[in-house]
Amino acid sequence: MGEAVYYIKARFESEEKLNKLYPKIEKFINQGIEAYDWWQDNRGMERSGEREKFWNEFQNKFPMIYAYLGDLAGKDCGNALAGHLDFGNEGDVEHSLCMSGPILTYSSLVWHFADWTRFANALKEIGALKVDWISDECMDPFELLDV
């Protein structure tokens, strides 16, 4: 399975605002990591005709992530969620979720076809003014070095 490092950066109104929202953001990402693991263990429920059971359990266990999935929630619980639930691995939040003034950054090694657009939109819903993300597959770090 191919992986890449994904980076997301969000600007908030102020350092104080970010400090206030940080626990919610941390909880959201950690819940996303747990939801991903649970989905991987239970995604076969789509093939076995247990979609409704999957989504009922998912919504109870991961309410923030259920809401985050928007129009995907309640539908195909198999491969359709690939790339939308990959927030990284346990411990990533502790090590790479950082604040500097009004700026929040997070990075993690995830599936190389992940799409963090929903993640960016979720941070905006939480209170970020501007959010952007990139994968290291989309850039050449050597181009950033001025020699």
N, C-alpha and C. Protein backbone atom coordinates (compact mmCIF):
# COMPACT_ATOMS: atom_id res chain seq x y z
N MET A 1 0.85 -1.18 0.00
CA MET A 1 0.00 0.00 0.00
C MET A 1 0.89 1.23 0.00
N GLY A 2 0.66 2.16 -0.92
CA GLY A 2 1.44 3.38 -0.98
C GLY A 2 1.03 4.37 0.08
N GLU A 3 2.00 5.05 0.61
CA GLU A 3 1.74 6.06 1.63
C GLU A 3 2.50 7.34 1.29
N ALA A 4 2.03 8.42 1.85
CA ALA A 4 2.66 9.72 1.67
C ALA A 4 2.43 10.54 2.94
N VAL A 5 3.29 11.51 3.14
CA VAL A 5 3.08 12.42 4.26
C VAL A 5 2.15 13.53 3.78
N TYR A 6 1.10 13.73 4.55
CA TYR A 6 0.14 14.79 4.27
C TYR A 6 0.33 15.88 5.31
N TYR A 7 0.15 17.12 4.87
CA TYR A 7 0.33 18.29 5.72
C TYR A 7 -0.92 19.15 5.62
N ILE A 8 -1.39 19.64 6.76
CA ILE A 8 -2.52 20.56 6.76
C ILE A 8 -2.16 21.74 7.67
N LYS A 9 -2.54 22.92 7.22
CA LYS A 9 -2.23 24.15 7.96
C LYS A 9 -3.48 25.00 8.01
N ALA A 10 -3.80 25.49 9.21
CA ALA A 10 -5.01 26.30 9.38
C ALA A 10 -4.68 27.58 10.14
N ARG A 11 -5.29 28.66 9.69
CA ARG A 11 -5.13 29.96 10.36
C ARG A 11 -6.43 30.28 11.10
N PHE A 12 -6.28 30.68 12.35
CA PHE A 12 -7.43 31.06 13.17
C PHE A 12 -7.38 32.56 13.44
N GLU A 13 -8.46 33.08 13.95
CA GLU A 13 -8.59 34.51 14.20
C GLU A 13 -7.48 35.03 15.11
N SER A 14 -7.14 34.24 16.10
CA SER A 14 -6.12 34.66 17.07
C SER A 14 -5.57 33.44 17.78
N GLU A 15 -4.47 33.64 18.46
CA GLU A 15 -3.89 32.57 19.26
C GLU A 15 -4.88 32.14 20.36
N GLU A 16 -5.56 33.11 20.94
CA GLU A 16 -6.53 32.81 22.00
C GLU A 16 -7.67 31.94 21.48
N LYS A 17 -8.15 32.27 20.29
CA LYS A 17 -9.24 31.50 19.68
C LYS A 17 -8.78 30.07 19.41
N LEU A 18 -7.57 29.92 18.88
CA LEU A 18 -7.04 28.59 18.61
C LEU A 18 -6.86 27.81 19.91
N ASN A 19 -6.35 28.46 20.94
CA ASN A 19 -6.19 27.78 22.23
C ASN A 19 -7.53 27.25 22.74
N LYS A 20 -8.58 28.02 22.54
CA LYS A 20 -9.91 27.62 22.99
C LYS A 20 -10.43 26.42 22.17
N LEU A 21 -10.14 26.41 20.87
CA LEU A 21 -10.65 25.37 19.98
C LEU A 21 -9.76 24.13 19.92
N TYR A 22 -8.54 24.24 20.37
CA TYR A 22 -7.57 23.14 20.26
C TYR A 22 -8.10 21.81 20.81
N PRO A 23 -8.70 21.79 22.01
CA PRO A 23 -9.20 20.49 22.52
C PRO A 23 -10.23 19.84 21.59
N LYS A 24 -11.08 20.64 20.97
CA LYS A 24 -12.08 20.10 20.05
C LYS A 24 -11.40 19.54 18.79
N ILE A 25 -10.39 20.24 18.30
CA ILE A 25 -9.66 19.78 17.12
C ILE A 25 -8.92 18.48 17.44
N GLU A 26 -8.28 18.45 18.57
CA GLU A 26 -7.55 17.25 19.00
C GLU A 26 -8.51 16.06 19.13
N LYS A 27 -9.66 16.29 19.73
CA LYS A 27 -10.66 15.23 19.88
C LYS A 27 -11.15 14.76 18.51
N PHE A 28 -11.38 15.70 17.61
CA PHE A 28 -11.84 15.37 16.26
C PHE A 28 -10.85 14.46 15.54
N ILE A 29 -9.58 14.84 15.55
CA ILE A 29 -8.57 14.04 14.84
C ILE A 29 -8.42 12.67 15.50
N ASN A 30 -8.37 12.63 16.81
CA ASN A 30 -8.25 11.33 17.49
C ASN A 30 -9.46 10.45 17.21
N GLN A 31 -10.65 11.04 17.18
CA GLN A 31 -11.84 10.26 16.86
C GLN A 31 -11.76 9.76 15.42
N GLY A 32 -11.21 10.57 14.54
CA GLY A 32 -11.02 10.15 13.15
C GLY A 32 -10.07 8.97 13.03
N ILE A 33 -9.01 8.99 13.80
CA ILE A 33 -8.05 7.88 13.79
C ILE A 33 -8.71 6.60 14.29
N GLU A 34 -9.49 6.72 15.36
CA GLU A 34 -10.22 5.56 15.89
C GLU A 34 -11.27 5.06 14.89
N ALA A 35 -11.96 5.99 14.24
CA ALA A 35 -12.99 5.63 13.26
C ALA A 35 -12.37 4.88 12.08
N TYR A 36 -11.21 5.32 11.66
CA TYR A 36 -10.52 4.65 10.55
C TYR A 36 -10.21 3.20 10.91
N ASP A 37 -9.66 2.99 12.09
CA ASP A 37 -9.33 1.63 12.53
C ASP A 37 -10.58 0.77 12.62
N TRP A 38 -11.65 1.33 13.17
CA TRP A 38 -12.91 0.59 13.30
C TRP A 38 -13.47 0.27 11.92
N TRP A 39 -13.43 1.24 11.02
CA TRP A 39 -13.90 1.02 9.64
C TRP A 39 -13.12 -0.11 8.97
N GLN A 40 -11.80 -0.10 9.13
CA GLN A 40 -10.99 -1.15 8.51
C GLN A 40 -11.41 -2.53 9.02
N ASP A 41 -11.73 -2.61 10.30
CA ASP A 41 -12.13 -3.90 10.88
C ASP A 41 -13.55 -4.31 10.49
N ASN A 42 -14.38 -3.35 10.08
CA ASN A 42 -15.81 -3.63 9.86
C ASN A 42 -16.32 -3.31 8.46
N ARG A 43 -15.46 -2.91 7.57
CA ARG A 43 -15.92 -2.51 6.24
C ARG A 43 -16.54 -3.65 5.44
N GLY A 44 -16.26 -4.88 5.84
CA GLY A 44 -16.86 -6.04 5.19
C GLY A 44 -18.36 -6.13 5.41
N MET A 45 -18.88 -5.33 6.32
CA MET A 45 -20.32 -5.34 6.57
C MET A 45 -21.10 -4.88 5.34
N GLU A 46 -20.45 -4.13 4.47
CA GLU A 46 -21.10 -3.71 3.21
C GLU A 46 -21.41 -4.94 2.37
N ARG A 47 -20.42 -5.81 2.21
CA ARG A 47 -20.59 -7.02 1.40
C ARG A 47 -21.57 -8.01 2.03
N SER A 48 -21.65 -8.02 3.35
CA SER A 48 -22.52 -8.98 4.02
C SER A 48 -23.93 -8.43 4.25
N GLY A 49 -24.23 -7.27 3.67
CA GLY A 49 -25.58 -6.72 3.76
C GLY A 49 -25.92 -6.08 5.09
N GLU A 50 -24.90 -5.66 5.83
CA GLU A 50 -25.14 -5.08 7.16
C GLU A 50 -24.83 -3.58 7.19
N ARG A 51 -25.09 -2.91 6.11
CA ARG A 51 -24.80 -1.47 6.01
C ARG A 51 -25.48 -0.68 7.13
N GLU A 52 -26.76 -0.92 7.35
CA GLU A 52 -27.49 -0.16 8.36
C GLU A 52 -26.89 -0.37 9.75
N LYS A 53 -26.54 -1.61 10.06
CA LYS A 53 -25.91 -1.90 11.35
C LYS A 53 -24.56 -1.17 11.46
N PHE A 54 -23.78 -1.21 10.39
CA PHE A 54 -22.50 -0.51 10.38
C PHE A 54 -22.69 0.96 10.74
N TRP A 55 -23.61 1.62 10.03
CA TRP A 55 -23.77 3.06 10.23
C TRP A 55 -24.36 3.41 11.59
N ASN A 56 -25.24 2.58 12.12
CA ASN A 56 -25.76 2.82 13.46
C ASN A 56 -24.64 2.76 14.49
N GLU A 57 -23.80 1.74 14.38
CA GLU A 57 -22.68 1.61 15.31
C GLU A 57 -21.67 2.74 15.11
N PHE A 58 -21.39 3.05 13.86
CA PHE A 58 -20.42 4.11 13.55
C PHE A 58 -20.88 5.44 14.14
N GLN A 59 -22.15 5.77 13.94
CA GLN A 59 -22.67 7.04 14.45
C GLN A 59 -22.60 7.10 15.97
N ASN A 60 -22.88 6.00 16.64
CA ASN A 60 -22.81 5.97 18.10
C ASN A 60 -21.38 6.10 18.62
N LYS A 61 -20.45 5.44 17.95
CA LYS A 61 -19.06 5.44 18.40
C LYS A 61 -18.30 6.71 18.01
N PHE A 62 -18.63 7.27 16.85
CA PHE A 62 -17.84 8.37 16.28
C PHE A 62 -18.75 9.49 15.77
N PRO A 63 -19.49 10.15 16.65
CA PRO A 63 -20.46 11.14 16.18
C PRO A 63 -19.85 12.32 15.42
N MET A 64 -18.68 12.77 15.82
CA MET A 64 -18.05 13.89 15.12
C MET A 64 -17.66 13.48 13.69
N ILE A 65 -17.17 12.28 13.55
CA ILE A 65 -16.71 11.81 12.24
C ILE A 65 -17.90 11.45 11.36
N TYR A 66 -18.96 10.94 11.97
CA TYR A 66 -20.18 10.67 11.21
C TYR A 66 -20.68 11.98 10.58
N ALA A 67 -20.72 13.04 11.36
CA ALA A 67 -21.15 14.34 10.84
C ALA A 67 -20.18 14.85 9.77
N TYR A 68 -18.89 14.66 10.01
CA TYR A 68 -17.85 15.09 9.07
C TYR A 68 -18.01 14.43 7.70
N LEU A 69 -18.46 13.18 7.68
CA LEU A 69 -18.60 12.46 6.42
C LEU A 69 -19.72 13.02 5.54
N GLY A 70 -20.64 13.76 6.13
CA GLY A 70 -21.69 14.41 5.35
C GLY A 70 -22.45 13.44 4.47
N ASP A 71 -22.44 13.69 3.17
CA ASP A 71 -23.23 12.90 2.23
C ASP A 71 -22.73 11.47 2.07
N LEU A 72 -21.57 11.14 2.58
CA LEU A 72 -21.07 9.76 2.51
C LEU A 72 -21.69 8.88 3.60
N ALA A 73 -22.09 9.50 4.70
CA ALA A 73 -22.65 8.75 5.83
C ALA A 73 -23.96 8.09 5.42
N GLY A 74 -24.09 6.83 5.81
CA GLY A 74 -25.30 6.08 5.52
C GLY A 74 -25.27 5.34 4.20
N LYS A 75 -24.28 5.63 3.39
CA LYS A 75 -24.17 4.97 2.09
C LYS A 75 -23.14 3.85 2.17
N ASP A 76 -22.53 3.51 1.07
CA ASP A 76 -21.54 2.43 0.99
C ASP A 76 -20.52 2.56 2.12
N CYS A 77 -20.43 1.53 2.95
CA CYS A 77 -19.48 1.56 4.07
C CYS A 77 -18.23 0.75 3.77
N GLY A 78 -18.07 0.37 2.52
CA GLY A 78 -16.88 -0.36 2.10
C GLY A 78 -15.84 0.59 1.54
N ASN A 79 -15.52 0.41 0.29
CA ASN A 79 -14.45 1.18 -0.33
C ASN A 79 -14.76 2.66 -0.53
N ALA A 80 -16.02 3.05 -0.50
CA ALA A 80 -16.37 4.46 -0.73
C ALA A 80 -15.76 5.39 0.31
N LEU A 81 -15.42 4.87 1.47
CA LEU A 81 -14.85 5.71 2.52
C LEU A 81 -13.32 5.83 2.43
N ALA A 82 -12.73 5.04 1.54
CA ALA A 82 -11.27 5.08 1.39
C ALA A 82 -10.82 6.49 1.05
N GLY A 83 -9.82 6.95 1.76
CA GLY A 83 -9.27 8.27 1.51
C GLY A 83 -9.93 9.39 2.29
N HIS A 84 -11.10 9.13 2.85
CA HIS A 84 -11.80 10.17 3.61
C HIS A 84 -11.65 9.99 5.11
N LEU A 85 -11.21 8.82 5.53
CA LEU A 85 -11.09 8.53 6.97
C LEU A 85 -9.64 8.41 7.43
N ASP A 86 -8.70 8.73 6.60
CA ASP A 86 -7.30 8.54 6.97
C ASP A 86 -6.72 9.82 7.56
N PHE A 87 -6.70 9.87 8.89
CA PHE A 87 -6.17 11.02 9.62
C PHE A 87 -4.77 10.75 10.17
N GLY A 88 -4.27 9.55 9.96
CA GLY A 88 -2.96 9.20 10.50
C GLY A 88 -3.06 8.04 11.47
N ASN A 89 -2.12 7.97 12.36
CA ASN A 89 -2.02 6.85 13.28
C ASN A 89 -2.05 7.31 14.72
N GLU A 90 -2.37 6.37 15.59
CA GLU A 90 -2.37 6.66 17.02
C GLU A 90 -1.01 7.24 17.41
N GLY A 91 -1.02 8.30 18.15
CA GLY A 91 0.21 8.97 18.56
C GLY A 91 0.59 10.14 17.68
N ASP A 92 0.04 10.20 16.46
CA ASP A 92 0.38 11.31 15.57
C ASP A 92 -0.05 12.66 16.14
N VAL A 93 -1.23 12.69 16.75
CA VAL A 93 -1.74 13.95 17.28
C VAL A 93 -0.79 14.48 18.35
N GLU A 94 -0.37 13.59 19.22
CA GLU A 94 0.54 13.98 20.31
C GLU A 94 1.85 14.53 19.76
N HIS A 95 2.31 13.97 18.64
CA HIS A 95 3.63 14.34 18.13
C HIS A 95 3.62 15.39 17.03
N SER A 96 2.53 15.53 16.29
CA SER A 96 2.62 16.46 15.16
C SER A 96 1.49 17.47 15.04
N LEU A 97 0.57 17.51 15.99
CA LEU A 97 -0.43 18.58 16.00
C LEU A 97 0.17 19.73 16.78
N CYS A 98 0.43 20.84 16.09
CA CYS A 98 1.17 21.94 16.70
C CYS A 98 0.44 23.27 16.52
N MET A 99 0.68 24.15 17.47
CA MET A 99 0.16 25.51 17.41
C MET A 99 1.34 26.48 17.48
N SER A 100 1.23 27.54 16.69
CA SER A 100 2.20 28.62 16.76
C SER A 100 1.43 29.91 16.49
N GLY A 101 1.15 30.64 17.55
CA GLY A 101 0.29 31.81 17.40
C GLY A 101 -1.08 31.36 16.94
N PRO A 102 -1.61 31.99 15.88
CA PRO A 102 -2.94 31.61 15.38
C PRO A 102 -2.90 30.48 14.34
N ILE A 103 -1.74 29.83 14.19
CA ILE A 103 -1.56 28.81 13.16
C ILE A 103 -1.55 27.42 13.79
N LEU A 104 -2.32 26.52 13.18
CA LEU A 104 -2.34 25.11 13.57
C LEU A 104 -1.75 24.31 12.42
N THR A 105 -0.85 23.39 12.73
CA THR A 105 -0.31 22.50 11.71
C THR A 105 -0.43 21.06 12.18
N TYR A 106 -0.56 20.18 11.21
CA TYR A 106 -0.64 18.75 11.49
C TYR A 106 -0.11 18.01 10.27
N SER A 107 0.62 16.95 10.51
CA SER A 107 1.09 16.11 9.41
C SER A 107 1.07 14.66 9.86
N SER A 108 0.92 13.79 8.86
CA SER A 108 0.88 12.37 9.17
C SER A 108 1.13 11.56 7.91
N LEU A 109 1.64 10.37 8.10
CA LEU A 109 1.82 9.42 7.01
C LEU A 109 0.50 8.69 6.82
N VAL A 110 -0.10 8.86 5.64
CA VAL A 110 -1.41 8.27 5.35
C VAL A 110 -1.39 7.63 3.96
N TRP A 111 -2.49 6.99 3.61
CA TRP A 111 -2.63 6.38 2.29
C TRP A 111 -2.43 7.46 1.23
N HIS A 112 -1.65 7.17 0.22
CA HIS A 112 -1.25 8.19 -0.75
C HIS A 112 -2.37 8.70 -1.65
N PHE A 113 -3.55 8.11 -1.59
CA PHE A 113 -4.69 8.65 -2.34
C PHE A 113 -5.72 9.30 -1.41
N ALA A 114 -5.32 9.56 -0.17
CA ALA A 114 -6.24 10.22 0.76
C ALA A 114 -6.58 11.61 0.23
N ASP A 115 -7.74 12.08 0.62
CA ASP A 115 -8.20 13.41 0.23
C ASP A 115 -8.56 14.16 1.51
N TRP A 116 -7.80 15.17 1.84
CA TRP A 116 -8.02 15.91 3.08
C TRP A 116 -8.90 17.15 2.88
N THR A 117 -9.64 17.22 1.79
CA THR A 117 -10.54 18.35 1.57
C THR A 117 -11.61 18.42 2.65
N ARG A 118 -12.20 17.28 2.97
CA ARG A 118 -13.22 17.26 4.05
C ARG A 118 -12.59 17.66 5.39
N PHE A 119 -11.38 17.20 5.62
CA PHE A 119 -10.65 17.55 6.85
C PHE A 119 -10.48 19.08 6.91
N ALA A 120 -10.05 19.67 5.81
CA ALA A 120 -9.89 21.12 5.75
C ALA A 120 -11.22 21.83 6.02
N ASN A 121 -12.28 21.33 5.40
CA ASN A 121 -13.60 21.94 5.61
C ASN A 121 -14.06 21.79 7.05
N ALA A 122 -13.74 20.66 7.68
CA ALA A 122 -14.10 20.45 9.08
C ALA A 122 -13.39 21.46 9.97
N LEU A 123 -12.13 21.74 9.68
CA LEU A 123 -11.40 22.74 10.47
C LEU A 123 -12.02 24.12 10.29
N LYS A 124 -12.50 24.41 9.10
CA LYS A 124 -13.20 25.69 8.89
C LYS A 124 -14.49 25.73 9.69
N GLU A 125 -15.22 24.62 9.72
CA GLU A 125 -16.46 24.57 10.50
C GLU A 125 -16.17 24.74 11.99
N ILE A 126 -15.04 24.23 12.44
CA ILE A 126 -14.66 24.38 13.84
C ILE A 126 -14.28 25.82 14.16
N GLY A 127 -13.77 26.55 13.16
CA GLY A 127 -13.44 27.95 13.41
C GLY A 127 -12.24 28.50 12.67
N ALA A 128 -11.58 27.70 11.86
CA ALA A 128 -10.43 28.22 11.10
C ALA A 128 -10.90 29.21 10.04
N LEU A 129 -10.10 30.23 9.82
CA LEU A 129 -10.41 31.22 8.79
C LEU A 129 -9.97 30.75 7.41
N LYS A 130 -8.83 30.08 7.38
CA LYS A 130 -8.27 29.60 6.12
C LYS A 130 -7.53 28.30 6.40
N VAL A 131 -7.68 27.34 5.48
CA VAL A 131 -7.04 26.03 5.64
C VAL A 131 -6.55 25.57 4.27
N ASP A 132 -5.39 24.95 4.26
CA ASP A 132 -4.90 24.34 3.04
C ASP A 132 -4.14 23.07 3.40
N TRP A 133 -4.02 22.17 2.45
CA TRP A 133 -3.31 20.92 2.69
C TRP A 133 -2.58 20.51 1.42
N ILE A 134 -1.58 19.66 1.63
CA ILE A 134 -0.78 19.14 0.52
C ILE A 134 -0.19 17.80 0.92
N SER A 135 0.10 17.01 -0.06
CA SER A 135 0.78 15.73 0.14
C SER A 135 2.20 15.85 -0.38
N ASP A 136 3.12 15.12 0.22
CA ASP A 136 4.49 15.20 -0.30
C ASP A 136 4.62 14.58 -1.68
N GLU A 137 3.58 13.88 -2.13
CA GLU A 137 3.59 13.38 -3.51
C GLU A 137 3.30 14.50 -4.50
N CYS A 138 2.76 15.61 -3.99
CA CYS A 138 2.39 16.73 -4.86
C CYS A 138 3.49 17.78 -4.95
N MET A 139 4.61 17.53 -4.31
CA MET A 139 5.66 18.56 -4.31
C MET A 139 7.03 17.91 -4.37
N ASP A 140 7.97 18.70 -4.76
CA ASP A 140 9.36 18.28 -4.75
C ASP A 140 10.08 19.15 -3.73
N PRO A 141 10.38 18.60 -2.55
CA PRO A 141 11.00 19.41 -1.50
C PRO A 141 12.33 20.03 -1.93
N PHE A 142 12.99 19.42 -2.89
CA PHE A 142 14.26 19.97 -3.35
C PHE A 142 14.08 21.32 -4.06
N GLU A 143 12.88 21.54 -4.61
CA GLU A 143 12.60 22.83 -5.24
C GLU A 143 12.55 23.96 -4.21
N LEU A 144 12.33 23.62 -2.97
CA LEU A 144 12.26 24.62 -1.91
C LEU A 144 13.64 25.05 -1.40
N LEU A 145 14.64 24.30 -1.77
CA LEU A 145 16.00 24.59 -1.30
C LEU A 145 16.68 25.52 -2.29
N ASP A 146 17.10 26.66 -1.79
CA ASP A 146 17.69 27.69 -2.64
C ASP A 146 19.21 27.59 -2.60
N VAL A 147 19.76 26.80 -3.50
CA VAL A 147 21.23 26.68 -3.57
C VAL A 147 21.71 26.96 -4.98
